[in-house]
Amino acid sequence: MRKLIYLVFAVTLISSGCASRATRSLNKGKAAYEKHDYLHALEFFNDAVKYDSLNASVYYQRGIAKRAVRINAVGIAFISGQPKSKNPGWNPTSFASEIDDYTRAIQINPVYKEAFFSRAMARIESHQADSACSDFRIAIELGSSDAKEAISEYCK
């Protein structure tokens, strides 16, 4: 019986330690993102996922950071005259990874309107209009005013 109590206590300590580490990483990631330091933000969000894989916000924030990194890469390539084919921001897998994070956030929290909207935008950018329009409709049902504007623009 005593061993069981110690085991439960140890698991509780480890779980709370992981959750607090995830929270710290999530907060550091948000701070880095606000400073437009998207690569470091992404590192912090990756760390947060390791310690709390059931937190929808962690996946959503990581998806947002991936989008920022991708868009930044596209902008830098455009300014430097780099062709699209050599630009990592135009790589289809960059969209897939971003979409996967939004999908995971939605699986954890099925009423996460921001995740539906962000996934829809990533799908628009990756030429998946039908799926995007479906996400916009769900986001509207959940109360997203951004999705109302976007659906009229992208889903005719």
C-alpha atoms as a PDB file:
ATOM      1  CA  MET A   1       0.000   0.000   0.000  1.00  0.00           C
ATOM      2  CA  ARG A   2       2.810   2.384   0.890  1.00  0.00           C
ATOM      3  CA  LYS A   3       4.488   1.741  -2.471  1.00  0.00           C
ATOM      4  CA  LEU A   4       1.251   2.564  -4.262  1.00  0.00           C
ATOM      5  CA  ILE A   5       0.957   5.872  -2.398  1.00  0.00           C
ATOM      6  CA  TYR A   6       4.548   6.753  -3.290  1.00  0.00           C
ATOM      7  CA  LEU A   7       3.917   5.838  -6.904  1.00  0.00           C
ATOM      8  CA  VAL A   8       0.784   8.020  -7.085  1.00  0.00           C
ATOM      9  CA  PHE A   9       2.681  10.873  -5.418  1.00  0.00           C
ATOM     10  CA  ALA A  10       5.605  10.540  -7.847  1.00  0.00           C
ATOM     11  CA  VAL A  11       3.320  10.473 -10.887  1.00  0.00           C
ATOM     12  CA  THR A  12       1.487  13.553  -9.593  1.00  0.00           C
ATOM     13  CA  LEU A  13       4.771  15.425  -9.113  1.00  0.00           C
ATOM     14  CA  ILE A  14       6.033  14.472 -12.553  1.00  0.00           C
ATOM     15  CA  SER A  15       2.733  15.453 -14.193  1.00  0.00           C
ATOM     16  CA  SER A  16       2.604  18.832 -12.495  1.00  0.00           C
ATOM     17  CA  GLY A  17       6.264  19.440 -13.364  1.00  0.00           C
ATOM     18  CA  CYS A  18       5.595  18.675 -17.020  1.00  0.00           C
ATOM     19  CA  ALA A  19       2.519  20.916 -17.083  1.00  0.00           C
ATOM     20  CA  SER A  20       4.395  23.826 -15.531  1.00  0.00           C
ATOM     21  CA  ARG A  21       7.299  23.320 -17.952  1.00  0.00           C
ATOM     22  CA  ALA A  22       4.820  23.299 -20.832  1.00  0.00           C
ATOM     23  CA  THR A  23       3.222  26.499 -19.538  1.00  0.00           C
ATOM     24  CA  ARG A  24       6.600  28.195 -19.238  1.00  0.00           C
ATOM     25  CA  SER A  25       7.532  27.130 -22.765  1.00  0.00           C
ATOM     26  CA  LEU A  26       4.151  28.247 -24.095  1.00  0.00           C
ATOM     27  CA  ASN A  27       4.548  31.675 -22.466  1.00  0.00           C
ATOM     28  CA  LYS A  28       8.121  32.042 -23.732  1.00  0.00           C
ATOM     29  CA  GLY A  29       6.933  31.076 -27.206  1.00  0.00           C
ATOM     30  CA  LYS A  30       4.180  33.696 -27.129  1.00  0.00           C
ATOM     31  CA  ALA A  31       6.689  36.335 -25.976  1.00  0.00           C
ATOM     32  CA  ALA A  32       9.112  35.415 -28.770  1.00  0.00           C
ATOM     33  CA  TYR A  33       6.277  35.494 -31.299  1.00  0.00           C
ATOM     34  CA  GLU A  34       5.236  38.972 -30.150  1.00  0.00           C
ATOM     35  CA  LYS A  35       8.833  40.094 -30.807  1.00  0.00           C
ATOM     36  CA  HIS A  36       8.596  38.594 -34.324  1.00  0.00           C
ATOM     37  CA  ASP A  37      11.234  36.029 -33.356  1.00  0.00           C
ATOM     38  CA  TYR A  38       9.298  33.244 -35.038  1.00  0.00           C
ATOM     39  CA  LEU A  39      12.017  30.589 -35.113  1.00  0.00           C
ATOM     40  CA  HIS A  40      12.587  30.826 -31.360  1.00  0.00           C
ATOM     41  CA  ALA A  41       8.837  30.892 -30.791  1.00  0.00           C
ATOM     42  CA  LEU A  42       8.581  27.668 -32.768  1.00  0.00           C
ATOM     43  CA  GLU A  43      11.315  26.080 -30.641  1.00  0.00           C
ATOM     44  CA  PHE A  44       9.456  27.003 -27.448  1.00  0.00           C
ATOM     45  CA  PHE A  45       6.164  25.665 -28.816  1.00  0.00           C
ATOM     46  CA  ASN A  46       7.883  22.415 -29.837  1.00  0.00           C
ATOM     47  CA  ASP A  47       9.157  22.138 -26.271  1.00  0.00           C
ATOM     48  CA  ALA A  48       5.675  22.818 -24.885  1.00  0.00           C
ATOM     49  CA  VAL A  49       4.194  20.018 -27.030  1.00  0.00           C
ATOM     50  CA  LYS A  50       6.698  17.570 -25.536  1.00  0.00           C
ATOM     51  CA  TYR A  51       5.477  18.336 -22.025  1.00  0.00           C
ATOM     52  CA  ASP A  52       1.759  18.797 -22.630  1.00  0.00           C
ATOM     53  CA  SER A  53       0.481  16.989 -25.695  1.00  0.00           C
ATOM     54  CA  LEU A  54      -3.148  17.475 -24.636  1.00  0.00           C
ATOM     55  CA  ASN A  55      -3.160  21.277 -24.686  1.00  0.00           C
ATOM     56  CA  ALA A  56      -4.977  22.581 -27.765  1.00  0.00           C
ATOM     57  CA  SER A  57      -3.462  26.042 -27.372  1.00  0.00           C
ATOM     58  CA  VAL A  58       0.058  24.638 -27.687  1.00  0.00           C
ATOM     59  CA  TYR A  59      -0.731  23.087 -31.074  1.00  0.00           C
ATOM     60  CA  TYR A  60      -2.601  26.170 -32.259  1.00  0.00           C
ATOM     61  CA  GLN A  61       0.272  28.479 -31.285  1.00  0.00           C
ATOM     62  CA  ARG A  62       2.789  26.173 -32.949  1.00  0.00           C
ATOM     63  CA  GLY A  63       0.711  26.232 -36.143  1.00  0.00           C
ATOM     64  CA  ILE A  64       0.633  30.029 -36.052  1.00  0.00           C
ATOM     65  CA  ALA A  65       4.421  30.131 -35.560  1.00  0.00           C
ATOM     66  CA  LYS A  66       4.939  27.726 -38.478  1.00  0.00           C
ATOM     67  CA  ARG A  67       2.818  30.013 -40.654  1.00  0.00           C
ATOM     68  CA  ALA A  68       4.876  33.038 -39.619  1.00  0.00           C
ATOM     69  CA  VAL A  69       8.131  31.216 -40.369  1.00  0.00           C
ATOM     70  CA  ARG A  70       6.770  30.149 -43.757  1.00  0.00           C
ATOM     71  CA  ILE A  71       5.553  33.632 -44.667  1.00  0.00           C
ATOM     72  CA  ASN A  72       8.834  35.152 -43.502  1.00  0.00           C
ATOM     73  CA  ALA A  73      10.759  32.727 -45.731  1.00  0.00           C
ATOM     74  CA  VAL A  74       8.584  33.653 -48.702  1.00  0.00           C
ATOM     75  CA  GLY A  75       9.131  37.382 -48.079  1.00  0.00           C
ATOM     76  CA  ILE A  76      12.888  37.032 -47.745  1.00  0.00           C
ATOM     77  CA  ALA A  77      13.037  34.933 -50.907  1.00  0.00           C
ATOM     78  CA  PHE A  78      10.946  37.469 -52.811  1.00  0.00           C
ATOM     79  CA  ILE A  79      13.187  40.337 -51.736  1.00  0.00           C
ATOM     80  CA  SER A  80      16.327  38.396 -52.655  1.00  0.00           C
ATOM     81  CA  GLY A  81      14.878  37.272 -56.006  1.00  0.00           C
ATOM     82  CA  GLN A  82      14.925  33.572 -55.132  1.00  0.00           C
ATOM     83  CA  PRO A  83      12.638  31.446 -57.341  1.00  0.00           C
ATOM     84  CA  LYS A  84       9.610  29.825 -55.692  1.00  0.00           C
ATOM     85  CA  SER A  85      10.914  26.333 -56.429  1.00  0.00           C
ATOM     86  CA  LYS A  86      13.918  26.884 -54.143  1.00  0.00           C
ATOM     87  CA  ASN A  87      11.987  28.558 -51.354  1.00  0.00           C
ATOM     88  CA  PRO A  88      11.175  26.411 -48.307  1.00  0.00           C
ATOM     89  CA  GLY A  89       8.120  28.585 -47.600  1.00  0.00           C
ATOM     90  CA  TRP A  90       6.448  27.238 -50.738  1.00  0.00           C
ATOM     91  CA  ASN A  91       7.117  23.624 -49.862  1.00  0.00           C
ATOM     92  CA  PRO A  92       3.791  21.721 -49.658  1.00  0.00           C
ATOM     93  CA  THR A  93       4.997  19.930 -46.526  1.00  0.00           C
ATOM     94  CA  SER A  94       5.234  23.262 -44.722  1.00  0.00           C
ATOM     95  CA  PHE A  95       1.472  23.646 -45.202  1.00  0.00           C
ATOM     96  CA  ALA A  96       0.829  20.048 -44.163  1.00  0.00           C
ATOM     97  CA  SER A  97       2.675  20.422 -40.880  1.00  0.00           C
ATOM     98  CA  GLU A  98       0.861  23.661 -40.101  1.00  0.00           C
ATOM     99  CA  ILE A  99      -2.515  22.111 -40.972  1.00  0.00           C
ATOM    100  CA  ASP A 100      -1.675  19.071 -38.822  1.00  0.00           C
ATOM    101  CA  ASP A 101      -1.141  21.323 -35.793  1.00  0.00           C
ATOM    102  CA  TYR A 102      -4.483  23.072 -36.270  1.00  0.00           C
ATOM    103  CA  THR A 103      -6.149  19.687 -36.751  1.00  0.00           C
ATOM    104  CA  ARG A 104      -4.632  18.393 -33.507  1.00  0.00           C
ATOM    105  CA  ALA A 105      -5.845  21.523 -31.675  1.00  0.00           C
ATOM    106  CA  ILE A 106      -9.352  20.899 -33.044  1.00  0.00           C
ATOM    107  CA  GLN A 107      -9.241  17.224 -32.029  1.00  0.00           C
ATOM    108  CA  ILE A 108      -8.438  18.277 -28.470  1.00  0.00           C
ATOM    109  CA  ASN A 109     -10.902  21.196 -28.443  1.00  0.00           C
ATOM    110  CA  PRO A 110     -13.637  20.750 -31.082  1.00  0.00           C
ATOM    111  CA  VAL A 111     -14.993  24.278 -30.535  1.00  0.00           C
ATOM    112  CA  TYR A 112     -11.682  26.095 -31.108  1.00  0.00           C
ATOM    113  CA  LYS A 113     -12.905  28.642 -33.669  1.00  0.00           C
ATOM    114  CA  GLU A 114      -9.467  30.221 -34.153  1.00  0.00           C
ATOM    115  CA  ALA A 115      -7.995  26.840 -35.051  1.00  0.00           C
ATOM    116  CA  PHE A 116     -10.764  26.211 -37.600  1.00  0.00           C
ATOM    117  CA  PHE A 117     -10.187  29.649 -39.124  1.00  0.00           C
ATOM    118  CA  SER A 118      -6.391  29.266 -39.233  1.00  0.00           C
ATOM    119  CA  ARG A 119      -6.650  25.790 -40.731  1.00  0.00           C
ATOM    120  CA  ALA A 120      -9.012  27.174 -43.364  1.00  0.00           C
ATOM    121  CA  MET A 121      -6.532  29.911 -44.280  1.00  0.00           C
ATOM    122  CA  ALA A 122      -3.684  27.386 -44.547  1.00  0.00           C
ATOM    123  CA  ARG A 123      -5.889  25.227 -46.749  1.00  0.00           C
ATOM    124  CA  ILE A 124      -6.724  28.206 -48.982  1.00  0.00           C
ATOM    125  CA  GLU A 125      -3.003  28.925 -49.348  1.00  0.00           C
ATOM    126  CA  SER A 126      -2.323  25.279 -50.216  1.00  0.00           C
ATOM    127  CA  HIS A 127      -5.124  25.177 -52.829  1.00  0.00           C
ATOM    128  CA  GLN A 128      -7.556  23.030 -50.796  1.00  0.00           C
ATOM    129  CA  ALA A 129     -10.548  25.334 -51.230  1.00  0.00           C
ATOM    130  CA  ASP A 130     -13.307  22.771 -50.530  1.00  0.00           C
ATOM    131  CA  SER A 131     -11.816  21.778 -47.182  1.00  0.00           C
ATOM    132  CA  ALA A 132     -11.112  25.412 -46.373  1.00  0.00           C
ATOM    133  CA  CYS A 133     -14.705  26.442 -47.025  1.00  0.00           C
ATOM    134  CA  SER A 134     -15.931  23.684 -44.748  1.00  0.00           C
ATOM    135  CA  ASP A 135     -13.633  24.961 -41.986  1.00  0.00           C
ATOM    136  CA  PHE A 136     -14.824  28.535 -42.545  1.00  0.00           C
ATOM    137  CA  ARG A 137     -18.446  27.391 -42.134  1.00  0.00           C
ATOM    138  CA  ILE A 138     -17.653  25.656 -38.850  1.00  0.00           C
ATOM    139  CA  ALA A 139     -15.722  28.702 -37.619  1.00  0.00           C
ATOM    140  CA  ILE A 140     -18.746  30.879 -38.446  1.00  0.00           C
ATOM    141  CA  GLU A 141     -21.030  28.528 -36.494  1.00  0.00           C
ATOM    142  CA  LEU A 142     -18.619  28.915 -33.567  1.00  0.00           C
ATOM    143  CA  GLY A 143     -18.808  32.716 -33.803  1.00  0.00           C
ATOM    144  CA  SER A 144     -15.811  33.767 -35.897  1.00  0.00           C
ATOM    145  CA  SER A 145     -16.368  37.127 -37.560  1.00  0.00           C
ATOM    146  CA  ASP A 146     -13.090  36.720 -39.490  1.00  0.00           C
ATOM    147  CA  ALA A 147     -14.471  33.570 -41.083  1.00  0.00           C
ATOM    148  CA  LYS A 148     -17.606  35.452 -42.220  1.00  0.00           C
ATOM    149  CA  GLU A 149     -15.434  37.877 -44.163  1.00  0.00           C
ATOM    150  CA  ALA A 150     -13.143  35.158 -45.527  1.00  0.00           C
ATOM    151  CA  ILE A 151     -15.900  32.858 -46.738  1.00  0.00           C
ATOM    152  CA  SER A 152     -17.359  35.592 -48.921  1.00  0.00           C
ATOM    153  CA  GLU A 153     -13.922  36.158 -50.451  1.00  0.00           C
ATOM    154  CA  TYR A 154     -12.731  32.565 -50.926  1.00  0.00           C
ATOM    155  CA  CYS A 155     -15.862  30.419 -51.178  1.00  0.00           C
ATOM    156  CA  LYS A 156     -17.978  31.734 -54.013  1.00  0.00           C
END
